Amino acid sequence: MADFEATPPASIQQRPYQPTVPVVPYSLRPPSPPSIPIPAPALSSNSGPIKIVPSYANVDPADLTPDQLDIITGGFREQSARDITSAWKYNERRSAQAILDCLYLGPSNVARDLDWLTKNGITMLLAVRDSSMVQARLMFVDGIAQQLGIQADYVDVSGHTGMIRSLPEAVRKINNHLLDVYHRQAVPAAAGQAAEGSMLINRQDFKRGKVLVFCETGNERSPIVVIAYMMAVLGMSMVRACQFIHYRRFCVSLTDEAKFLLQTYEGLLEARRTVNQYQHAMGTTSVSPRPKLRRTADEMDEDDEQDSNTRPRPGLAPFVDSKDMDLEMAT
């Protein structure tokens, strides 16, 4: 019988020899984090509005007192937003919209419109600008504010990474301004009207503070500040706040990076609020002992042994020997 040599499959003949072969497709870039979906507004006139009632239970007691929250929210007034998707027009992106009773959002061109600022009673211009463009852009704000006799301030950020450090300060600036506008109009209570030392407001002439938050387009950096404000003061979740702001200004564009930033800020708010509310309820500001974070080597070995006994995990090698792969394909 003549000797013969088995011919390998064509796929093996054409493939250049490699000592190892990848088991699954892979990429050299770092893995991307999962996207954060924000449900879009329903394209229906029957969709109900988003309603939120301010509550001190949702506020960090280290930031505001109940009286201050009452002033800022106009007496814990309900805030609502209805779906305007079907009625939204493209040119509305060039104007500003009232997101809350005291908070407006829009592009930088609105901050130059003296008639609009006066008509809507804006008392503060808050510009959210790139820190690298401080000297080149948005320097008109001071002049406009001085001309109208209102306040101007800035939130300087260096990308989304630097913005998360600026969000608490931006929220504080808005709240401080609203409180300052209120106290400037308050007068000492007359004898017999209220408790000694209290302040009263003439409701007929009283004008609440109103803040215009803006960036170049009003769709990128400034919405992040407004969403962060709603999360911190109204206790809204990140997803709910994003839906609310889209109901009021449909053209807002939030990238995945911005959503992850806001999600991180939401976690920081919840953790800080929980700790401060507990300490406030206990009537103490002392810091509780830090829990033990590190495990001893014995504890780690014991956990690993339990995991191996109770939850066996099948292994997946990213590469296999090319010879083994050739034999498997040949058979």
Protein backbone atom coordinates (compact mmCIF):
# COMPACT_ATOMS: atom_id res chain seq x y z
CA MET A 1 0.00 0.00 0.00
CA ALA A 2 1.44 3.35 -1.04
CA ASP A 3 2.27 5.82 1.64
CA PHE A 4 0.35 9.09 1.49
CA GLU A 5 0.20 12.25 3.56
CA ALA A 6 -3.14 13.73 4.63
CA THR A 7 -3.76 17.12 3.05
CA PRO A 8 -4.78 19.77 5.60
CA PRO A 9 -7.95 21.80 4.98
CA ALA A 10 -7.64 24.78 2.63
CA SER A 11 -8.26 27.23 5.51
CA ILE A 12 -5.14 25.92 7.25
CA GLN A 13 -3.07 25.95 4.02
CA GLN A 14 -3.83 29.60 3.29
CA ARG A 15 -3.36 30.84 6.86
CA PRO A 16 0.16 32.02 7.76
CA TYR A 17 1.62 30.10 10.66
CA GLN A 18 1.14 31.67 14.08
CA PRO A 19 2.20 30.10 17.37
CA THR A 20 -1.08 31.19 19.00
CA VAL A 21 -4.54 31.98 17.67
CA PRO A 22 -7.13 34.35 19.28
CA VAL A 23 -10.25 32.58 20.50
CA VAL A 24 -12.58 35.57 20.14
CA PRO A 25 -12.27 38.90 18.26
CA TYR A 26 -10.47 41.54 20.28
CA SER A 27 -9.37 45.16 19.99
CA LEU A 28 -6.28 47.00 21.19
CA ARG A 29 -8.27 49.98 22.48
CA PRO A 30 -9.67 50.17 26.03
CA PRO A 31 -13.23 48.85 26.39
CA SER A 32 -15.96 51.47 26.19
CA PRO A 33 -18.30 51.83 29.17
CA PRO A 34 -21.95 50.97 28.54
CA SER A 35 -24.12 53.79 27.28
CA ILE A 36 -26.63 55.44 29.63
CA PRO A 37 -30.01 55.53 27.88
CA ILE A 38 -32.27 58.51 28.51
CA PRO A 39 -35.81 57.62 27.37
CA ALA A 40 -36.91 60.16 24.78
CA PRO A 41 -40.12 62.15 25.28
CA ALA A 42 -43.12 60.33 23.88
CA LEU A 43 -44.32 61.80 20.61
CA SER A 44 -47.88 62.09 21.83
CA SER A 45 -50.02 64.96 22.99
CA ASN A 46 -51.48 62.65 25.65
CA SER A 47 -48.19 62.18 27.49
CA GLY A 48 -48.45 63.68 30.94
CA PRO A 49 -46.12 66.35 32.30
CA ILE A 50 -43.20 65.70 34.60
CA LYS A 51 -44.02 67.14 38.01
CA ILE A 52 -41.70 67.68 40.95
CA VAL A 53 -42.57 69.17 44.35
CA PRO A 54 -39.56 70.52 46.30
CA SER A 55 -39.01 68.81 49.63
CA TYR A 56 -36.43 69.37 52.33
CA ALA A 57 -36.10 65.58 52.63
CA ASN A 58 -34.30 65.64 49.26
CA VAL A 59 -31.81 68.37 50.23
CA ASP A 60 -28.44 68.11 51.91
CA PRO A 61 -28.95 69.87 55.28
CA ALA A 62 -25.32 71.01 55.16
CA ASP A 63 -26.14 73.17 52.12
CA LEU A 64 -29.55 74.71 52.87
CA THR A 65 -31.93 75.24 55.76
CA PRO A 66 -35.70 74.72 55.40
CA ASP A 67 -36.23 78.49 55.35
CA GLN A 68 -33.63 78.94 52.61
CA LEU A 69 -35.19 76.20 50.48
CA ASP A 70 -38.57 77.86 50.98
CA ILE A 71 -37.15 81.16 49.66
CA ILE A 72 -35.34 79.57 46.72
CA THR A 73 -38.32 77.51 45.56
CA GLY A 74 -40.89 80.26 46.10
CA GLY A 75 -42.72 78.47 48.89
CA PHE A 76 -42.01 74.89 47.75
CA ARG A 77 -43.85 75.59 44.52
CA GLU A 78 -44.44 72.63 42.20
CA GLN A 79 -42.35 72.56 39.02
CA SER A 80 -43.66 70.86 35.91
CA ALA A 81 -42.66 70.38 32.29
CA ARG A 82 -44.81 69.08 29.44
CA ASP A 83 -43.65 67.37 26.27
CA ILE A 84 -43.14 69.99 23.54
CA THR A 85 -41.47 67.72 20.99
CA SER A 86 -44.15 68.01 18.35
CA ALA A 87 -44.33 71.81 18.71
CA TRP A 88 -40.57 72.48 18.88
CA LYS A 89 -39.16 74.69 16.12
CA TYR A 90 -35.54 74.77 15.02
CA ASN A 91 -35.06 78.51 15.55
CA GLU A 92 -36.02 78.14 19.23
CA ARG A 93 -32.51 76.88 19.87
CA ARG A 94 -31.37 80.51 19.45
CA SER A 95 -33.61 81.66 22.32
CA ALA A 96 -33.67 80.81 26.03
CA GLN A 97 -36.25 78.73 27.88
CA ALA A 98 -37.37 78.82 31.51
CA ILE A 99 -36.38 75.46 32.97
CA LEU A 100 -37.55 76.39 36.48
CA ASP A 101 -39.36 79.46 37.80
CA CYS A 102 -36.02 81.02 38.67
CA LEU A 103 -33.68 79.36 36.17
CA TYR A 104 -33.34 79.97 32.44
CA LEU A 105 -31.14 78.17 29.91
CA GLY A 106 -29.99 79.44 26.54
CA PRO A 107 -27.14 80.41 24.19
CA SER A 108 -24.75 83.31 24.64
CA ASN A 109 -26.54 85.54 22.12
CA VAL A 110 -29.51 85.77 24.52
CA ALA A 111 -27.21 87.28 27.17
CA ARG A 112 -26.61 90.17 24.75
CA ASP A 113 -30.33 90.86 24.25
CA LEU A 114 -31.04 93.74 26.64
CA ASP A 115 -34.76 93.80 25.85
CA TRP A 116 -35.18 90.09 26.55
CA LEU A 117 -33.21 90.27 29.80
CA THR A 118 -35.28 93.21 31.02
CA LYS A 119 -38.62 91.72 29.94
CA ASN A 120 -37.96 88.41 31.73
CA GLY A 121 -36.58 90.03 34.87
CA ILE A 122 -33.16 88.35 34.76
CA THR A 123 -31.09 89.34 37.80
CA MET A 124 -27.97 87.26 37.18
CA LEU A 125 -25.97 86.11 34.16
CA LEU A 126 -24.05 82.88 34.79
CA ALA A 127 -21.67 82.04 31.94
CA VAL A 128 -20.33 78.47 31.68
CA ARG A 129 -17.14 78.79 29.66
CA ASP A 130 -14.02 76.83 28.79
CA SER A 131 -11.18 77.92 31.06
CA SER A 132 -8.80 78.06 28.10
CA MET A 133 -11.01 80.71 26.43
CA VAL A 134 -11.38 83.05 29.40
CA GLN A 135 -9.65 85.95 27.68
CA ALA A 136 -11.17 85.35 24.25
CA ARG A 137 -14.88 84.87 24.77
CA LEU A 138 -17.83 85.92 26.90
CA MET A 139 -16.09 89.03 28.23
CA PHE A 140 -19.18 91.05 27.26
CA VAL A 141 -21.07 89.69 30.27
CA ASP A 142 -19.64 92.19 32.73
CA GLY A 143 -20.57 95.11 30.51
CA ILE A 144 -24.15 93.90 30.02
CA ALA A 145 -24.58 93.29 33.73
CA GLN A 146 -23.22 96.70 34.63
CA GLN A 147 -25.49 98.37 32.10
CA LEU A 148 -28.61 96.66 33.51
CA GLY A 149 -27.55 96.79 37.14
CA ILE A 150 -27.59 93.01 37.58
CA GLN A 151 -25.03 90.45 38.68
CA ALA A 152 -22.62 88.51 36.46
CA ASP A 153 -20.60 85.45 37.30
CA TYR A 154 -18.69 82.63 35.62
CA VAL A 155 -18.19 78.89 35.85
CA ASP A 156 -14.81 78.14 34.28
CA VAL A 157 -14.31 74.49 33.35
CA SER A 158 -11.62 72.49 31.57
CA GLY A 159 -13.55 69.74 29.82
CA HIS A 160 -16.02 67.39 31.44
CA THR A 161 -13.42 66.08 33.87
CA GLY A 162 -12.86 69.53 35.35
CA MET A 163 -16.56 70.37 35.35
CA ILE A 164 -17.51 67.92 38.08
CA ARG A 165 -15.31 69.89 40.48
CA SER A 166 -17.12 73.09 39.46
CA LEU A 167 -20.70 71.85 39.87
CA PRO A 168 -21.01 72.33 43.67
CA GLU A 169 -19.69 75.88 43.35
CA ALA A 170 -22.07 76.63 40.47
CA VAL A 171 -25.06 75.41 42.51
CA ARG A 172 -23.88 77.50 45.46
CA LYS A 173 -23.57 80.63 43.31
CA ILE A 174 -27.15 80.30 42.06
CA ASN A 175 -28.57 79.70 45.53
CA ASN A 176 -26.58 82.54 47.10
CA HIS A 177 -27.83 84.95 44.47
CA LEU A 178 -31.48 83.95 44.91
CA LEU A 179 -31.18 84.33 48.68
CA ASP A 180 -29.40 87.66 48.32
CA VAL A 181 -32.15 89.04 46.06
CA TYR A 182 -34.74 88.03 48.64
CA HIS A 183 -32.92 89.53 51.62
CA ARG A 184 -32.30 92.81 49.81
CA GLN A 185 -36.08 93.28 49.58
CA ALA A 186 -36.87 92.10 53.12
CA VAL A 187 -37.52 94.66 55.85
CA PRO A 188 -37.59 94.21 59.64
CA ALA A 189 -41.00 93.22 60.95
CA ALA A 190 -42.90 95.92 62.80
CA ALA A 191 -43.96 95.40 66.40
CA GLY A 192 -46.81 92.94 66.63
CA GLN A 193 -46.52 91.72 63.03
CA ALA A 194 -44.13 88.83 63.63
CA ALA A 195 -41.52 87.52 65.98
CA GLU A 196 -38.82 89.94 67.05
CA GLY A 197 -35.92 90.03 64.60
CA SER A 198 -37.85 88.43 61.74
CA MET A 199 -37.96 89.86 58.23
CA LEU A 200 -41.01 90.50 56.06
CA ILE A 201 -41.52 90.87 52.31
CA ASN A 202 -43.91 93.20 50.55
CA ARG A 203 -45.52 90.63 48.26
CA GLN A 204 -46.95 93.26 45.93
CA ASP A 205 -43.56 94.71 44.99
CA PHE A 206 -41.45 91.60 45.55
CA LYS A 207 -39.48 90.29 42.55
CA ARG A 208 -37.78 86.92 42.72
CA GLY A 209 -34.27 86.44 41.50
CA LYS A 210 -33.91 84.86 38.06
CA VAL A 211 -30.69 83.37 36.70
CA LEU A 212 -29.79 82.86 33.04
CA VAL A 213 -27.29 80.01 32.66
CA PHE A 214 -25.68 79.98 29.24
CA CYS A 215 -22.76 78.83 27.12
CA GLU A 216 -21.97 79.35 23.44
CA THR A 217 -24.83 77.18 22.16
CA GLY A 218 -26.85 76.59 25.31
CA ASN A 219 -26.86 72.88 24.49
CA GLU A 220 -23.64 71.43 25.90
CA ARG A 221 -21.90 72.79 29.02
CA SER A 222 -24.64 74.98 30.49
CA PRO A 223 -27.31 72.20 30.53
CA ILE A 224 -24.97 70.14 32.72
CA VAL A 225 -24.97 72.92 35.31
CA VAL A 226 -28.77 73.24 35.21
CA ILE A 227 -29.28 69.47 35.53
CA ALA A 228 -26.82 69.37 38.44
CA TYR A 229 -28.78 72.18 40.11
CA MET A 230 -32.08 70.29 39.80
CA MET A 231 -30.45 67.18 41.24
CA ALA A 232 -28.95 69.07 44.19
CA VAL A 233 -31.88 71.37 45.09
CA LEU A 234 -34.94 69.41 43.94
CA GLY A 235 -33.59 65.92 44.60
CA MET A 236 -34.29 64.74 41.05
CA SER A 237 -32.51 61.71 39.65
CA MET A 238 -30.11 62.19 36.77
CA VAL A 239 -32.42 60.51 34.27
CA ARG A 240 -35.48 62.43 35.45
CA ALA A 241 -33.64 65.76 35.35
CA CYS A 242 -32.43 65.04 31.80
CA GLN A 243 -35.98 64.26 30.70
CA PHE A 244 -37.26 67.41 32.40
CA ILE A 245 -34.74 69.66 30.67
CA HIS A 246 -35.47 68.06 27.27
CA TYR A 247 -39.16 68.83 27.78
CA ARG A 248 -38.28 72.51 28.21
CA ARG A 249 -35.36 72.79 25.74
CA PHE A 250 -35.51 69.96 23.22
CA CYS A 251 -32.25 70.84 21.45
CA VAL A 252 -30.06 70.06 24.49
CA SER A 253 -27.31 67.62 23.50
CA LEU A 254 -25.85 65.38 26.20
CA THR A 255 -22.96 63.14 25.21
CA ASP A 256 -22.23 59.84 26.97
CA GLU A 257 -19.31 61.56 28.69
CA ALA A 258 -21.67 64.21 30.07
CA LYS A 259 -24.11 61.54 31.26
CA PHE A 260 -21.36 59.64 33.06
CA LEU A 261 -20.25 62.89 34.68
CA LEU A 262 -23.78 63.58 35.91
CA GLN A 263 -24.18 59.99 37.08
CA THR A 264 -20.98 60.32 39.12
CA TYR A 265 -22.22 63.62 40.56
CA GLU A 266 -25.52 61.96 41.47
CA GLY A 267 -23.68 59.30 43.45
CA LEU A 268 -21.64 61.93 45.27
CA LEU A 269 -24.80 63.88 46.11
CA GLU A 270 -26.58 60.82 47.47
CA ALA A 271 -23.63 59.75 49.61
CA ARG A 272 -23.05 63.23 51.06
CA ARG A 273 -26.78 63.82 51.60
CA THR A 274 -27.21 60.50 53.44
CA VAL A 275 -24.30 61.15 55.78
CA ASN A 276 -25.31 64.74 56.57
CA GLN A 277 -28.98 63.86 57.05
CA TYR A 278 -28.01 61.14 59.53
CA GLN A 279 -25.71 63.48 61.44
CA HIS A 280 -28.36 66.20 61.37
CA ALA A 281 -30.98 63.81 62.76
CA MET A 282 -28.59 62.66 65.50
CA GLY A 283 -27.73 66.27 66.34
CA THR A 284 -24.03 65.78 65.79
CA THR A 285 -21.46 66.70 63.19
CA SER A 286 -18.83 64.24 64.32
CA VAL A 287 -17.42 61.90 61.74
CA SER A 288 -18.16 58.24 62.32
CA PRO A 289 -15.22 55.81 62.43
CA ARG A 290 -14.06 54.74 59.01
CA PRO A 291 -15.02 51.14 58.27
CA LYS A 292 -12.31 48.60 57.64
CA LEU A 293 -11.76 48.50 53.90
CA ARG A 294 -8.82 46.13 53.67
CA ARG A 295 -9.16 42.40 54.26
CA THR A 296 -6.44 40.28 55.77
CA ALA A 297 -4.68 37.64 53.69
CA ASP A 298 -6.48 34.87 55.62
CA GLU A 299 -9.88 36.43 54.89
CA MET A 300 -9.05 36.75 51.20
CA ASP A 301 -7.86 33.12 51.00
CA GLU A 302 -11.01 31.96 52.80
CA ASP A 303 -13.26 33.93 50.43
CA ASP A 304 -11.41 32.60 47.40
CA GLU A 305 -11.78 29.05 48.68
CA GLN A 306 -15.52 29.53 49.23
CA ASP A 307 -15.92 31.02 45.78
CA SER A 308 -14.10 28.10 44.18
CA ASN A 309 -16.28 25.60 46.04
CA THR A 310 -19.68 27.25 45.63
CA ARG A 311 -19.42 29.23 42.41
CA PRO A 312 -17.15 27.50 39.92
CA ARG A 313 -16.50 29.70 36.93
CA PRO A 314 -15.55 28.22 33.58
CA GLY A 315 -12.30 29.58 32.26
CA LEU A 316 -11.90 31.22 28.86
CA ALA A 317 -8.38 31.44 27.47
CA PRO A 318 -8.00 34.44 25.14
CA PHE A 319 -5.50 32.51 22.99
CA VAL A 320 -4.94 28.82 22.16
CA ASP A 321 -2.03 26.94 20.64
CA SER A 322 -2.26 26.96 16.85
CA LYS A 323 -1.42 23.25 16.65
CA ASP A 324 -4.41 22.37 18.81
CA MET A 325 -6.60 24.58 16.64
CA ASP A 326 -5.32 22.85 13.46
CA LEU A 327 -6.09 19.40 14.86
CA GLU A 328 -9.58 20.50 15.92
CA MET A 329 -10.32 21.90 12.46
CA ALA A 330 -8.91 18.80 10.73
CA THR A 331 -11.17 16.50 12.68
